Structures are given as C-alpha cells and as structure tokens.
Amino acid sequence: MYKVVLGKDAARTLEKLPVKMQRRIISALGRLSANPLKGKRLRGGLEGLFSLRIGEMRVVYEIDSARQAIVVHGIGSRGDIYKK
C-alpha cells in the first residue's frame, strides 16, 4: 500500500469543498493507495502525472515509487485543474 501525501494546494482546496465531496475524495484516495495506477496517465505538459476522476472533480497526482507514496498536487473541477 502506498501512503497518500497531500500538497499544500490540494489540502487547502479539499478543506474548502463541501463535506460530502471531501468524504468522496478521501474515500477514493484510500482506494487509490492500494492501486495507484488506477488513474489516467496525463500527457503533454503534465506528463508523469495521473488524474483520478471523482464525479465532476479531478485529483492530479504523482506516484513516487521510491517513497511508496502518492503525492497529490491538485484537486479541482475538470475545467480548471489542468490549467495550473
């Protein structure tokens, strides 16, 4: 199992979301820790990152195999998250 590490921006965004969406995202991250390759591999300027869809929200993360960690870089809506 990989551990999940939230970056500052991701943690701040998660705190601002409604409680119901927070729970959905936390639950999805728990499942992701067992299978980090579940997300979609991103291309272009975001190469090396993955995206996990949770309803209309996306979680952008990186897999750090050396530390056995999933580093979450961003959480946001589909229209906004890839612009960061």
PDB file of N, CA and C in Angstrom:
ATOM      1  N   MET A   1       0.836  -1.186   0.000  1.00  0.00           N
ATOM      2  CA  MET A   1       0.000   0.000   0.000  1.00  0.00           C
ATOM      3  C   MET A   1       0.881   1.250   0.000  1.00  0.00           C
ATOM      4  N   TYR A   2       0.487   2.180  -0.793  1.00  0.00           N
ATOM      5  CA  TYR A   2       1.162   3.470  -0.854  1.00  0.00           C
ATOM      6  C   TYR A   2       0.524   4.418   0.155  1.00  0.00           C
ATOM      7  N   LYS A   3       1.316   5.333   0.675  1.00  0.00           N
ATOM      8  CA  LYS A   3       0.730   6.361   1.539  1.00  0.00           C
ATOM      9  C   LYS A   3       0.362   7.555   0.661  1.00  0.00           C
ATOM     10  N   VAL A   4      -0.654   8.289   1.060  1.00  0.00           N
ATOM     11  CA  VAL A   4      -1.126   9.448   0.304  1.00  0.00           C
ATOM     12  C   VAL A   4      -0.633  10.714   0.995  1.00  0.00           C
ATOM     13  N   VAL A   5       0.035  11.566   0.228  1.00  0.00           N
ATOM     14  CA  VAL A   5       0.565  12.828   0.741  1.00  0.00           C
ATOM     15  C   VAL A   5      -0.108  13.962  -0.023  1.00  0.00           C
ATOM     16  N   LEU A   6      -0.784  14.850   0.698  1.00  0.00           N
ATOM     17  CA  LEU A   6      -1.444  15.997   0.064  1.00  0.00           C
ATOM     18  C   LEU A   6      -0.495  17.189   0.030  1.00  0.00           C
ATOM     19  N   GLY A   7      -0.352  17.789  -1.144  1.00  0.00           N
ATOM     20  CA  GLY A   7       0.400  19.038  -1.249  1.00  0.00           C
ATOM     21  C   GLY A   7      -0.399  20.166  -0.615  1.00  0.00           C
ATOM     22  N   LYS A   8       0.239  21.314  -0.394  1.00  0.00           N
ATOM     23  CA  LYS A   8      -0.431  22.448   0.260  1.00  0.00           C
ATOM     24  C   LYS A   8      -1.686  22.881  -0.488  1.00  0.00           C
ATOM     25  N   ASP A   9      -1.571  23.051  -1.808  1.00  0.00           N
ATOM     26  CA  ASP A   9      -2.725  23.499  -2.599  1.00  0.00           C
ATOM     27  C   ASP A   9      -3.860  22.489  -2.541  1.00  0.00           C
ATOM     28  N   ALA A  10      -3.519  21.215  -2.642  1.00  0.00           N
ATOM     29  CA  ALA A  10      -4.543  20.167  -2.613  1.00  0.00           C
ATOM     30  C   ALA A  10      -5.244  20.138  -1.258  1.00  0.00           C
ATOM     31  N   ALA A  11      -4.484  20.263  -0.184  1.00  0.00           N
ATOM     32  CA  ALA A  11      -5.074  20.249   1.162  1.00  0.00           C
ATOM     33  C   ALA A  11      -5.987  21.456   1.364  1.00  0.00           C
ATOM     34  N   ARG A  12      -5.549  22.608   0.890  1.00  0.00           N
ATOM     35  CA  ARG A  12      -6.342  23.833   1.027  1.00  0.00           C
ATOM     36  C   ARG A  12      -7.650  23.711   0.247  1.00  0.00           C
ATOM     37  N   THR A  13      -7.563  23.187  -0.966  1.00  0.00           N
ATOM     38  CA  THR A  13      -8.760  23.013  -1.789  1.00  0.00           C
ATOM     39  C   THR A  13      -9.718  22.019  -1.150  1.00  0.00           C
ATOM     40  N   LEU A  14      -9.183  20.919  -0.642  1.00  0.00           N
ATOM     41  CA  LEU A  14     -10.016  19.895  -0.015  1.00  0.00           C
ATOM     42  C   LEU A  14     -10.795  20.469   1.170  1.00  0.00           C
ATOM     43  N   GLU A  15     -10.150  21.304   1.960  1.00  0.00           N
ATOM     44  CA  GLU A  15     -10.810  21.912   3.121  1.00  0.00           C
ATOM     45  C   GLU A  15     -11.983  22.801   2.724  1.00  0.00           C
ATOM     46  N   LYS A  16     -11.906  23.423   1.556  1.00  0.00           N
ATOM     47  CA  LYS A  16     -12.943  24.354   1.108  1.00  0.00           C
ATOM     48  C   LYS A  16     -14.148  23.662   0.477  1.00  0.00           C
ATOM     49  N   LEU A  17     -14.010  22.390   0.146  1.00  0.00           N
ATOM     50  CA  LEU A  17     -15.098  21.663  -0.510  1.00  0.00           C
ATOM     51  C   LEU A  17     -16.190  21.291   0.489  1.00  0.00           C
ATOM     52  N   PRO A  18     -17.407  21.055  -0.004  1.00  0.00           N
ATOM     53  CA  PRO A  18     -18.477  20.570   0.880  1.00  0.00           C
ATOM     54  C   PRO A  18     -18.078  19.235   1.514  1.00  0.00           C
ATOM     55  N   VAL A  19     -18.560  18.984   2.709  1.00  0.00           N
ATOM     56  CA  VAL A  19     -18.185  17.788   3.472  1.00  0.00           C
ATOM     57  C   VAL A  19     -18.453  16.509   2.683  1.00  0.00           C
ATOM     58  N   LYS A  20     -19.564  16.446   1.986  1.00  0.00           N
ATOM     59  CA  LYS A  20     -19.902  15.246   1.216  1.00  0.00           C
ATOM     60  C   LYS A  20     -18.837  14.967   0.148  1.00  0.00           C
ATOM     61  N   MET A  21     -18.384  16.012  -0.549  1.00  0.00           N
ATOM     62  CA  MET A  21     -17.347  15.839  -1.573  1.00  0.00           C
ATOM     63  C   MET A  21     -16.012  15.505  -0.924  1.00  0.00           C
ATOM     64  N   GLN A  22     -15.722  16.092   0.231  1.00  0.00           N
ATOM     65  CA  GLN A  22     -14.489  15.753   0.949  1.00  0.00           C
ATOM     66  C   GLN A  22     -14.450  14.258   1.243  1.00  0.00           C
ATOM     67  N   ARG A  23     -15.567  13.736   1.732  1.00  0.00           N
ATOM     68  CA  ARG A  23     -15.631  12.300   2.063  1.00  0.00           C
ATOM     69  C   ARG A  23     -15.425  11.438   0.828  1.00  0.00           C
ATOM     70  N   ARG A  24     -16.037  11.828  -0.288  1.00  0.00           N
ATOM     71  CA  ARG A  24     -15.878  11.061  -1.535  1.00  0.00           C
ATOM     72  C   ARG A  24     -14.419  11.044  -1.980  1.00  0.00           C
ATOM     73  N   ILE A  25     -13.767  12.189  -1.897  1.00  0.00           N
ATOM     74  CA  ILE A  25     -12.369  12.280  -2.326  1.00  0.00           C
ATOM     75  C   ILE A  25     -11.470  11.485  -1.386  1.00  0.00           C
ATOM     76  N   ILE A  26     -11.671  11.604  -0.092  1.00  0.00           N
ATOM     77  CA  ILE A  26     -10.855  10.862   0.875  1.00  0.00           C
ATOM     78  C   ILE A  26     -11.037   9.361   0.689  1.00  0.00           C
ATOM     79  N   SER A  27     -12.260   8.934   0.453  1.00  0.00           N
ATOM     80  CA  SER A  27     -12.530   7.518   0.209  1.00  0.00           C
ATOM     81  C   SER A  27     -11.822   7.042  -1.060  1.00  0.00           C
ATOM     82  N   ALA A  28     -11.891   7.845  -2.116  1.00  0.00           N
ATOM     83  CA  ALA A  28     -11.240   7.484  -3.382  1.00  0.00           C
ATOM     84  C   ALA A  28      -9.724   7.426  -3.217  1.00  0.00           C
ATOM     85  N   LEU A  29      -9.155   8.341  -2.438  1.00  0.00           N
ATOM     86  CA  LEU A  29      -7.713   8.323  -2.203  1.00  0.00           C
ATOM     87  C   LEU A  29      -7.309   7.086  -1.410  1.00  0.00           C
ATOM     88  N   GLY A  30      -8.162   6.638  -0.507  1.00  0.00           N
ATOM     89  CA  GLY A  30      -7.894   5.404   0.230  1.00  0.00           C
ATOM     90  C   GLY A  30      -7.827   4.202  -0.702  1.00  0.00           C
ATOM     91  N   ARG A  31      -8.769   4.139  -1.638  1.00  0.00           N
ATOM     92  CA  ARG A  31      -8.757   3.049  -2.623  1.00  0.00           C
ATOM     93  C   ARG A  31      -7.553   3.173  -3.558  1.00  0.00           C
ATOM     94  N   LEU A  32      -7.186   4.404  -3.883  1.00  0.00           N
ATOM     95  CA  LEU A  32      -6.057   4.648  -4.774  1.00  0.00           C
ATOM     96  C   LEU A  32      -4.749   4.166  -4.150  1.00  0.00           C
ATOM     97  N   SER A  33      -4.643   4.240  -2.827  1.00  0.00           N
ATOM     98  CA  SER A  33      -3.412   3.813  -2.159  1.00  0.00           C
ATOM     99  C   SER A  33      -3.128   2.330  -2.383  1.00  0.00           C
ATOM    100  N   ALA A  34      -4.167   1.552  -2.641  1.00  0.00           N
ATOM    101  CA  ALA A  34      -3.987   0.125  -2.920  1.00  0.00           C
ATOM    102  C   ALA A  34      -3.639  -0.123  -4.384  1.00  0.00           C
ATOM    103  N   ASN A  35      -4.043   0.786  -5.269  1.00  0.00           N
ATOM    104  CA  ASN A  35      -3.796   0.624  -6.702  1.00  0.00           C
ATOM    105  C   ASN A  35      -3.521   1.990  -7.327  1.00  0.00           C
ATOM    106  N   PRO A  36      -2.296   2.507  -7.188  1.00  0.00           N
ATOM    107  CA  PRO A  36      -2.001   3.859  -7.654  1.00  0.00           C
ATOM    108  C   PRO A  36      -2.095   4.046  -9.170  1.00  0.00           C
ATOM    109  N   LEU A  37      -2.057   2.981  -9.927  1.00  0.00           N
ATOM    110  CA  LEU A  37      -2.133   3.101 -11.386  1.00  0.00           C
ATOM    111  C   LEU A  37      -3.566   3.159 -11.890  1.00  0.00           C
ATOM    112  N   LYS A  38      -4.527   3.252 -10.980  1.00  0.00           N
ATOM    113  CA  LYS A  38      -5.939   3.282 -11.349  1.00  0.00           C
ATOM    114  C   LYS A  38      -6.294   4.519 -12.172  1.00  0.00           C
ATOM    115  N   GLY A  39      -5.625   5.626 -11.921  1.00  0.00           N
ATOM    116  CA  GLY A  39      -5.919   6.878 -12.608  1.00  0.00           C
ATOM    117  C   GLY A  39      -5.443   6.879 -14.048  1.00  0.00           C
ATOM    118  N   LYS A  40      -5.814   7.935 -14.738  1.00  0.00           N
ATOM    119  CA  LYS A  40      -5.455   8.113 -16.146  1.00  0.00           C
ATOM    120  C   LYS A  40      -4.107   8.833 -16.230  1.00  0.00           C
ATOM    121  N   ARG A  41      -3.203   8.287 -17.026  1.00  0.00           N
ATOM    122  CA  ARG A  41      -1.890   8.910 -17.229  1.00  0.00           C
ATOM    123  C   ARG A  41      -2.070  10.160 -18.084  1.00  0.00           C
ATOM    124  N   LEU A  42      -1.496  11.273 -17.631  1.00  0.00           N
ATOM    125  CA  LEU A  42      -1.632  12.532 -18.360  1.00  0.00           C
ATOM    126  C   LEU A  42      -0.493  12.696 -19.363  1.00  0.00           C
ATOM    127  N   ARG A  43      -0.744  13.530 -20.366  1.00  0.00           N
ATOM    128  CA  ARG A  43       0.240  13.735 -21.439  1.00  0.00           C
ATOM    129  C   ARG A  43       0.581  15.218 -21.561  1.00  0.00           C
ATOM    130  N   GLY A  44       1.470  15.499 -22.489  1.00  0.00           N
ATOM    131  CA  GLY A  44       1.843  16.885 -22.762  1.00  0.00           C
ATOM    132  C   GLY A  44       2.633  17.486 -21.617  1.00  0.00           C
ATOM    133  N   GLY A  45       2.273  18.693 -21.228  1.00  0.00           N
ATOM    134  CA  GLY A  45       2.970  19.403 -20.160  1.00  0.00           C
ATOM    135  C   GLY A  45       2.783  18.779 -18.792  1.00  0.00           C
ATOM    136  N   LEU A  46       1.838  17.857 -18.680  1.00  0.00           N
ATOM    137  CA  LEU A  46       1.569  17.188 -17.398  1.00  0.00           C
ATOM    138  C   LEU A  46       2.073  15.742 -17.393  1.00  0.00           C
ATOM    139  N   GLU A  47       2.960  15.441 -18.312  1.00  0.00           N
ATOM    140  CA  GLU A  47       3.489  14.080 -18.410  1.00  0.00           C
ATOM    141  C   GLU A  47       4.150  13.678 -17.094  1.00  0.00           C
ATOM    142  N   GLY A  48       3.929  12.448 -16.678  1.00  0.00           N
ATOM    143  CA  GLY A  48       4.457  11.951 -15.410  1.00  0.00           C
ATOM    144  C   GLY A  48       3.439  12.030 -14.285  1.00  0.00           C
ATOM    145  N   LEU A  49       2.316  12.715 -14.549  1.00  0.00           N
ATOM    146  CA  LEU A  49       1.252  12.831 -13.557  1.00  0.00           C
ATOM    147  C   LEU A  49       0.067  11.970 -13.963  1.00  0.00           C
ATOM    148  N   PHE A  50      -0.811  11.723 -13.009  1.00  0.00           N
ATOM    149  CA  PHE A  50      -2.021  10.947 -13.237  1.00  0.00           C
ATOM    150  C   PHE A  50      -3.222  11.762 -12.781  1.00  0.00           C
ATOM    151  N   SER A  51      -4.384  11.409 -13.309  1.00  0.00           N
ATOM    152  CA  SER A  51      -5.623  12.079 -12.928  1.00  0.00           C
ATOM    153  C   SER A  51      -6.648  11.029 -12.527  1.00  0.00           C
ATOM    154  N   LEU A  52      -7.321  11.275 -11.423  1.00  0.00           N
ATOM    155  CA  LEU A  52      -8.380  10.393 -10.954  1.00  0.00           C
ATOM    156  C   LEU A  52      -9.680  11.175 -10.969  1.00  0.00           C
ATOM    157  N   ARG A  53     -10.687  10.623 -11.618  1.00  0.00           N
ATOM    158  CA  ARG A  53     -11.987  11.284 -11.717  1.00  0.00           C
ATOM    159  C   ARG A  53     -12.862  10.876 -10.536  1.00  0.00           C
ATOM    160  N   ILE A  54     -13.434  11.884  -9.871  1.00  0.00           N
ATOM    161  CA  ILE A  54     -14.376  11.657  -8.776  1.00  0.00           C
ATOM    162  C   ILE A  54     -15.552  12.585  -9.047  1.00  0.00           C
ATOM    163  N   GLY A  55     -16.565  12.063  -9.700  1.00  0.00           N
ATOM    164  CA  GLY A  55     -17.686  12.902 -10.124  1.00  0.00           C
ATOM    165  C   GLY A  55     -17.192  13.937 -11.113  1.00  0.00           C
ATOM    166  N   GLU A  56     -17.479  15.201 -10.844  1.00  0.00           N
ATOM    167  CA  GLU A  56     -17.006  16.286 -11.707  1.00  0.00           C
ATOM    168  C   GLU A  56     -15.632  16.800 -11.282  1.00  0.00           C
ATOM    169  N   MET A  57     -15.105  16.272 -10.203  1.00  0.00           N
ATOM    170  CA  MET A  57     -13.805  16.703  -9.690  1.00  0.00           C
ATOM    171  C   MET A  57     -12.702  15.797 -10.222  1.00  0.00           C
ATOM    172  N   ARG A  58     -11.490  16.350 -10.254  1.00  0.00           N
ATOM    173  CA  ARG A  58     -10.316  15.591 -10.650  1.00  0.00           C
ATOM    174  C   ARG A  58      -9.251  15.752  -9.575  1.00  0.00           C
ATOM    175  N   VAL A  59      -8.521  14.677  -9.340  1.00  0.00           N
ATOM    176  CA  VAL A  59      -7.376  14.700  -8.436  1.00  0.00           C
ATOM    177  C   VAL A  59      -6.149  14.420  -9.295  1.00  0.00           C
ATOM    178  N   VAL A  60      -5.207  15.358  -9.316  1.00  0.00           N
ATOM    179  CA  VAL A  60      -3.977  15.191 -10.091  1.00  0.00           C
ATOM    180  C   VAL A  60      -2.882  14.783  -9.116  1.00  0.00           C
ATOM    181  N   TYR A  61      -2.221  13.665  -9.440  1.00  0.00           N
ATOM    182  CA  TYR A  61      -1.233  13.132  -8.507  1.00  0.00           C
ATOM    183  C   TYR A  61      -0.042  12.536  -9.235  1.00  0.00           C
ATOM    184  N   GLU A  62       0.995  12.300  -8.453  1.00  0.00           N
ATOM    185  CA  GLU A  62       2.232  11.720  -8.945  1.00  0.00           C
ATOM    186  C   GLU A  62       2.530  10.491  -8.093  1.00  0.00           C
ATOM    187  N   ILE A  63       3.083   9.475  -8.704  1.00  0.00           N
ATOM    188  CA  ILE A  63       3.460   8.269  -7.965  1.00  0.00           C
ATOM    189  C   ILE A  63       4.957   8.324  -7.687  1.00  0.00           C
ATOM    190  N   ASP A  64       5.327   8.283  -6.418  1.00  0.00           N
ATOM    191  CA  ASP A  64       6.726   8.269  -6.005  1.00  0.00           C
ATOM    192  C   ASP A  64       7.036   6.856  -5.508  1.00  0.00           C
ATOM    193  N   SER A  65       7.514   6.025  -6.419  1.00  0.00           N
ATOM    194  CA  SER A  65       7.760   4.614  -6.091  1.00  0.00           C
ATOM    195  C   SER A  65       8.856   4.451  -5.042  1.00  0.00           C
ATOM    196  N   ALA A  66       9.845   5.316  -5.061  1.00  0.00           N
ATOM    197  CA  ALA A  66      10.952   5.209  -4.108  1.00  0.00           C
ATOM    198  C   ALA A  66      10.460   5.373  -2.672  1.00  0.00           C
ATOM    199  N   ARG A  67       9.509   6.284  -2.458  1.00  0.00           N
ATOM    200  CA  ARG A  67       8.964   6.516  -1.115  1.00  0.00           C
ATOM    201  C   ARG A  67       7.669   5.758  -0.878  1.00  0.00           C
ATOM    202  N   GLN A  68       7.214   5.004  -1.884  1.00  0.00           N
ATOM    203  CA  GLN A  68       5.930   4.296  -1.796  1.00  0.00           C
ATOM    204  C   GLN A  68       4.832   5.292  -1.423  1.00  0.00           C
ATOM    205  N   ALA A  69       4.794   6.415  -2.162  1.00  0.00           N
ATOM    206  CA  ALA A  69       3.848   7.482  -1.848  1.00  0.00           C
ATOM    207  C   ALA A  69       3.122   7.967  -3.096  1.00  0.00           C
ATOM    208  N   ILE A  70       1.906   8.426  -2.881  1.00  0.00           N
ATOM    209  CA  ILE A  70       1.122   9.104  -3.908  1.00  0.00           C
ATOM    210  C   ILE A  70       1.078  10.562  -3.471  1.00  0.00           C
ATOM    211  N   VAL A  71       1.659  11.438  -4.272  1.00  0.00           N
ATOM    212  CA  VAL A  71       1.713  12.861  -3.942  1.00  0.00           C
ATOM    213  C   VAL A  71       0.611  13.570  -4.723  1.00  0.00           C
ATOM    214  N   VAL A  72      -0.370  14.114  -4.013  1.00  0.00           N
ATOM    215  CA  VAL A  72      -1.496  14.802  -4.644  1.00  0.00           C
ATOM    216  C   VAL A  72      -1.103  16.262  -4.849  1.00  0.00           C
ATOM    217  N   HIS A  73      -1.057  16.677  -6.116  1.00  0.00           N
ATOM    218  CA  HIS A  73      -0.655  18.041  -6.455  1.00  0.00           C
ATOM    219  C   HIS A  73      -1.835  18.992  -6.555  1.00  0.00           C
ATOM    220  N   GLY A  74      -2.995  18.479  -6.928  1.00  0.00           N
ATOM    221  CA  GLY A  74      -4.128  19.373  -7.088  1.00  0.00           C
ATOM    222  C   GLY A  74      -5.457  18.652  -7.061  1.00  0.00           C
ATOM    223  N   ILE A  75      -6.482  19.378  -6.643  1.00  0.00           N
ATOM    224  CA  ILE A  75      -7.856  18.892  -6.643  1.00  0.00           C
ATOM    225  C   ILE A  75      -8.690  20.024  -7.219  1.00  0.00           C
ATOM    226  N   GLY A  76      -9.513  19.710  -8.208  1.00  0.00           N
ATOM    227  CA  GLY A  76     -10.341  20.766  -8.786  1.00  0.00           C
ATOM    228  C   GLY A  76     -11.294  20.232  -9.825  1.00  0.00           C
ATOM    229  N   SER A  77     -12.081  21.145 -10.376  1.00  0.00           N
ATOM    230  CA  SER A  77     -13.028  20.749 -11.414  1.00  0.00           C
ATOM    231  C   SER A  77     -12.268  20.485 -12.710  1.00  0.00           C
ATOM    232  N   ARG A  78     -12.860  19.726 -13.576  1.00  0.00           N
ATOM    233  CA  ARG A  78     -12.220  19.337 -14.827  1.00  0.00           C
ATOM    234  C   ARG A  78     -11.769  20.555 -15.628  1.00  0.00           C
ATOM    235  N   GLY A  79     -12.581  21.596 -15.641  1.00  0.00           N
ATOM    236  CA  GLY A  79     -12.259  22.773 -16.431  1.00  0.00           C
ATOM    237  C   GLY A  79     -11.097  23.591 -15.902  1.00  0.00           C
ATOM    238  N   ASP A  80     -10.791  23.453 -14.618  1.00  0.00           N
ATOM    239  CA  ASP A  80      -9.765  24.302 -14.006  1.00  0.00           C
ATOM    240  C   ASP A  80      -8.473  23.576 -13.644  1.00  0.00           C
ATOM    241  N   ILE A  81      -8.546  22.331 -13.289  1.00  0.00           N
ATOM    242  CA  ILE A  81      -7.405  21.646 -12.688  1.00  0.00           C
ATOM    243  C   ILE A  81      -6.213  21.519 -13.634  1.00  0.00           C
ATOM    244  N   TYR A  82      -6.445  21.351 -14.923  1.00  0.00           N
ATOM    245  CA  TYR A  82      -5.341  21.136 -15.856  1.00  0.00           C
ATOM    246  C   TYR A  82      -4.665  22.435 -16.273  1.00  0.00           C
ATOM    247  N   LYS A  83      -5.207  23.575 -15.878  1.00  0.00           N
ATOM    248  CA  LYS A  83      -4.629  24.873 -16.233  1.00  0.00           C
ATOM    249  C   LYS A  83      -3.529  25.295 -15.271  1.00  0.00           C
ATOM    250  N   LYS A  84      -3.465  24.661 -14.109  1.00  0.00           N
ATOM    251  CA  LYS A  84      -2.490  25.051 -13.074  1.00  0.00           C
ATOM    252  C   LYS A  84      -1.087  24.623 -13.416  1.00  0.00           C
TER     253      LYS A  84
END
